[in-house]
Amino acid sequence: MADKFPMTPAGQAWMRKQLKKLKEVDRPANSRAIEIARGHGDLSENADYSAAKEEQGMIEAKIRDYEAKLGLAEVIDPTTLSGDRVQFGATVTIEDSDSGETSTYTIVGEHEADIKKRRISLVAPVARALLGKRVGDDVTVQTPKGKREVVISAVEWLEVGPPDGDLPD
């Protein structure tokens, strides 16, 4: 496991909110479901009980995962950063050297990635190719459509909003 788990302030707040919900809402509801299922008799043939116990395992695993990530959190506020070198939290505009097409991505923590919002994980191939590079640098990035040559045209330091929905498993 990594020494640090980078995340934005919004990503940290969102993860804490998810953890609180798991502990205060999901866990108690699951406990009630287990008790109700126990009342249905023979546990060896009780599908409700089996499902509730399986859900309990998933809830507890998520709680442990979130607690570990929050314990290792390195919260980085992009609005306090500056410069033209790409690093965590940067909003990067790249231009395809062949087509001239531009794309803008924000580099965020794994749990904050959302391609619809143009947020890519720090460990994504495109982000890894851009990290450490500067405005004006030519970079070869691996995309789903194959390798592309791009030029970094801008690096900005913008506020990042919270992720949507639940964390991916």
Protein backbone atom coordinates (compact mmCIF):
# COMPACT_ATOMS: atom_id res chain seq x y z
CA MET A 1 0.00 0.00 0.00
CA ALA A 2 1.13 3.55 -0.70
CA ASP A 3 2.70 5.65 2.02
CA LYS A 4 0.24 8.45 1.31
CA PHE A 5 -3.18 8.58 -0.33
CA PRO A 6 -3.50 11.96 -2.10
CA MET A 7 -6.91 13.60 -2.21
CA THR A 8 -8.44 17.04 -2.53
CA PRO A 9 -10.23 18.69 0.43
CA ALA A 10 -13.58 17.94 -1.27
CA GLY A 11 -12.55 14.32 -1.79
CA GLN A 12 -11.63 13.98 1.88
CA ALA A 13 -14.90 15.55 3.04
CA TRP A 14 -16.86 13.28 0.73
CA MET A 15 -15.05 10.16 1.97
CA ARG A 16 -15.67 11.14 5.62
CA LYS A 17 -19.36 11.60 4.80
CA GLN A 18 -19.49 8.15 3.16
CA LEU A 19 -17.76 6.59 6.19
CA LYS A 20 -20.21 8.26 8.58
CA LYS A 21 -23.16 6.97 6.53
CA LEU A 22 -21.74 3.44 6.55
CA LYS A 23 -21.26 3.49 10.33
CA GLU A 24 -24.44 5.35 11.34
CA VAL A 25 -26.97 4.25 8.71
CA ASP A 26 -25.88 1.21 6.72
CA ARG A 27 -24.35 -0.83 9.56
CA PRO A 28 -27.36 -0.46 11.93
CA ALA A 29 -29.82 -1.19 9.09
CA ASN A 30 -27.83 -4.30 8.21
CA SER A 31 -27.82 -5.44 11.86
CA ARG A 32 -31.61 -5.12 11.91
CA ALA A 33 -31.86 -7.13 8.66
CA ILE A 34 -29.71 -9.89 10.19
CA GLU A 35 -31.92 -10.01 13.32
CA ILE A 36 -35.10 -10.18 11.22
CA ALA A 37 -33.63 -12.93 9.04
CA ARG A 38 -32.58 -14.90 12.15
CA GLY A 39 -36.23 -14.90 13.18
CA HIS A 40 -37.13 -16.79 10.00
CA GLY A 41 -35.74 -20.05 11.33
CA ASP A 42 -33.10 -22.47 10.00
CA LEU A 43 -30.06 -20.32 9.11
CA SER A 44 -28.54 -22.97 6.82
CA GLU A 45 -31.38 -22.53 4.30
CA ASN A 46 -32.18 -18.87 4.95
CA ALA A 47 -31.45 -16.74 1.86
CA ASP A 48 -32.30 -13.48 3.65
CA TYR A 49 -29.80 -14.26 6.39
CA SER A 50 -27.09 -15.22 3.89
CA ALA A 51 -27.65 -12.03 1.89
CA ALA A 52 -27.62 -9.87 5.03
CA LYS A 53 -24.39 -11.50 6.27
CA GLU A 54 -22.79 -10.98 2.84
CA GLU A 55 -23.84 -7.32 2.90
CA GLN A 56 -22.40 -7.02 6.42
CA GLY A 57 -19.03 -8.22 5.12
CA MET A 58 -19.09 -5.66 2.30
CA ILE A 59 -20.03 -2.82 4.67
CA GLU A 60 -17.25 -3.74 7.11
CA ALA A 61 -14.71 -4.02 4.26
CA LYS A 62 -15.68 -0.57 2.96
CA ILE A 63 -15.40 0.90 6.46
CA ARG A 64 -11.89 -0.56 6.87
CA ASP A 65 -10.90 0.67 3.39
CA TYR A 66 -12.15 4.23 3.99
CA GLU A 67 -10.56 4.39 7.45
CA ALA A 68 -7.23 3.24 6.02
CA LYS A 69 -7.37 5.76 3.18
CA LEU A 70 -8.33 8.61 5.50
CA GLY A 71 -5.53 7.57 7.86
CA LEU A 72 -3.05 7.81 4.99
CA ALA A 73 -4.66 10.90 3.44
CA GLU A 74 -2.42 13.61 2.08
CA VAL A 75 -4.88 16.41 1.48
CA ILE A 76 -3.73 18.75 -1.25
CA ASP A 77 -5.70 21.89 -2.07
CA PRO A 78 -5.03 22.75 -5.73
CA THR A 79 -5.98 26.41 -5.13
CA THR A 80 -2.88 26.81 -2.93
CA LEU A 81 -0.55 25.54 -5.67
CA SER A 82 1.02 27.39 -8.57
CA GLY A 83 3.46 26.95 -11.41
CA ASP A 84 3.49 25.40 -14.86
CA ARG A 85 4.59 21.88 -13.87
CA VAL A 86 1.88 19.18 -13.84
CA GLN A 87 1.29 17.60 -10.42
CA PHE A 88 -1.59 16.28 -8.33
CA GLY A 89 -4.54 18.70 -8.42
CA ALA A 90 -3.53 20.37 -11.68
CA THR A 91 -6.11 21.07 -14.34
CA VAL A 92 -4.19 20.41 -17.54
CA THR A 93 -5.12 21.38 -21.09
CA ILE A 94 -3.45 19.32 -23.79
CA GLU A 95 -3.53 19.68 -27.55
CA ASP A 96 -3.28 16.68 -29.87
CA SER A 97 -0.29 17.28 -32.15
CA ASP A 98 -2.02 15.62 -35.14
CA SER A 99 -5.65 16.75 -34.91
CA GLY A 100 -5.24 20.00 -32.96
CA GLU A 101 -8.06 18.80 -30.70
CA THR A 102 -7.80 20.05 -27.12
CA SER A 103 -8.79 18.22 -23.93
CA THR A 104 -8.74 19.39 -20.34
CA TYR A 105 -8.35 17.05 -17.35
CA THR A 106 -7.97 17.53 -13.61
CA ILE A 107 -5.62 15.09 -11.89
CA VAL A 108 -7.23 13.81 -8.68
CA GLY A 109 -7.12 10.91 -6.20
CA GLU A 110 -8.33 7.49 -7.31
CA HIS A 111 -11.69 7.77 -5.50
CA GLU A 112 -12.35 11.19 -7.06
CA ALA A 113 -11.85 10.18 -10.69
CA ASP A 114 -14.88 10.77 -12.95
CA ILE A 115 -14.30 10.90 -16.69
CA LYS A 116 -17.67 12.63 -17.24
CA LYS A 117 -16.33 15.52 -15.14
CA ARG A 118 -12.94 15.28 -16.90
CA ARG A 119 -11.24 14.14 -13.66
CA ILE A 120 -8.60 11.47 -14.07
CA SER A 121 -6.90 9.42 -11.40
CA LEU A 122 -3.32 10.16 -10.48
CA VAL A 123 -2.50 6.58 -11.52
CA ALA A 124 -4.26 6.69 -14.92
CA PRO A 125 -1.93 6.30 -17.92
CA VAL A 126 -2.65 9.82 -19.24
CA ALA A 127 -2.00 11.38 -15.81
CA ARG A 128 1.21 9.40 -15.33
CA ALA A 129 2.47 10.60 -18.72
CA LEU A 130 1.73 14.25 -17.86
CA LEU A 131 3.07 14.35 -14.28
CA GLY A 132 6.23 16.40 -13.93
CA LYS A 133 5.93 17.92 -17.41
CA ARG A 134 5.57 21.66 -18.07
CA VAL A 135 3.55 23.94 -20.33
CA GLY A 136 4.96 23.61 -23.84
CA ASP A 137 6.32 20.07 -23.35
CA ASP A 138 5.59 17.40 -25.96
CA VAL A 139 4.26 14.24 -24.32
CA THR A 140 3.34 10.79 -25.60
CA VAL A 141 0.20 9.57 -23.85
CA GLN A 142 -1.42 6.14 -23.97
CA THR A 143 -5.16 6.46 -24.56
CA PRO A 144 -7.88 3.91 -25.30
CA LYS A 145 -7.40 4.87 -28.96
CA GLY A 146 -3.65 4.20 -28.84
CA LYS A 147 -0.60 6.41 -28.37
CA ARG A 148 -1.03 10.11 -29.05
CA GLU A 149 1.44 12.95 -29.17
CA VAL A 150 0.17 15.96 -27.23
CA VAL A 151 1.50 19.34 -26.16
CA ILE A 152 0.68 20.75 -22.73
CA SER A 153 -0.91 24.12 -23.44
CA ALA A 154 -2.02 25.14 -19.93
CA VAL A 155 -1.73 24.16 -16.27
CA GLU A 156 -4.26 25.73 -13.91
CA TRP A 157 -4.93 25.40 -10.20
CA LEU A 158 -8.68 25.30 -9.71
CA GLU A 159 -10.97 24.19 -6.89
CA VAL A 160 -12.16 20.60 -7.28
CA GLY A 161 -15.70 19.74 -6.23
CA PRO A 162 -16.75 16.53 -4.48
CA PRO A 163 -17.09 13.21 -6.31
CA ASP A 164 -20.61 11.96 -7.06
CA GLY A 165 -22.30 8.92 -5.58
CA ASP A 166 -20.70 6.02 -3.79
CA LEU A 167 -17.08 5.03 -4.16
CA PRO A 168 -16.33 2.31 -6.66
CA ASP A 169 -15.68 -1.07 -5.06
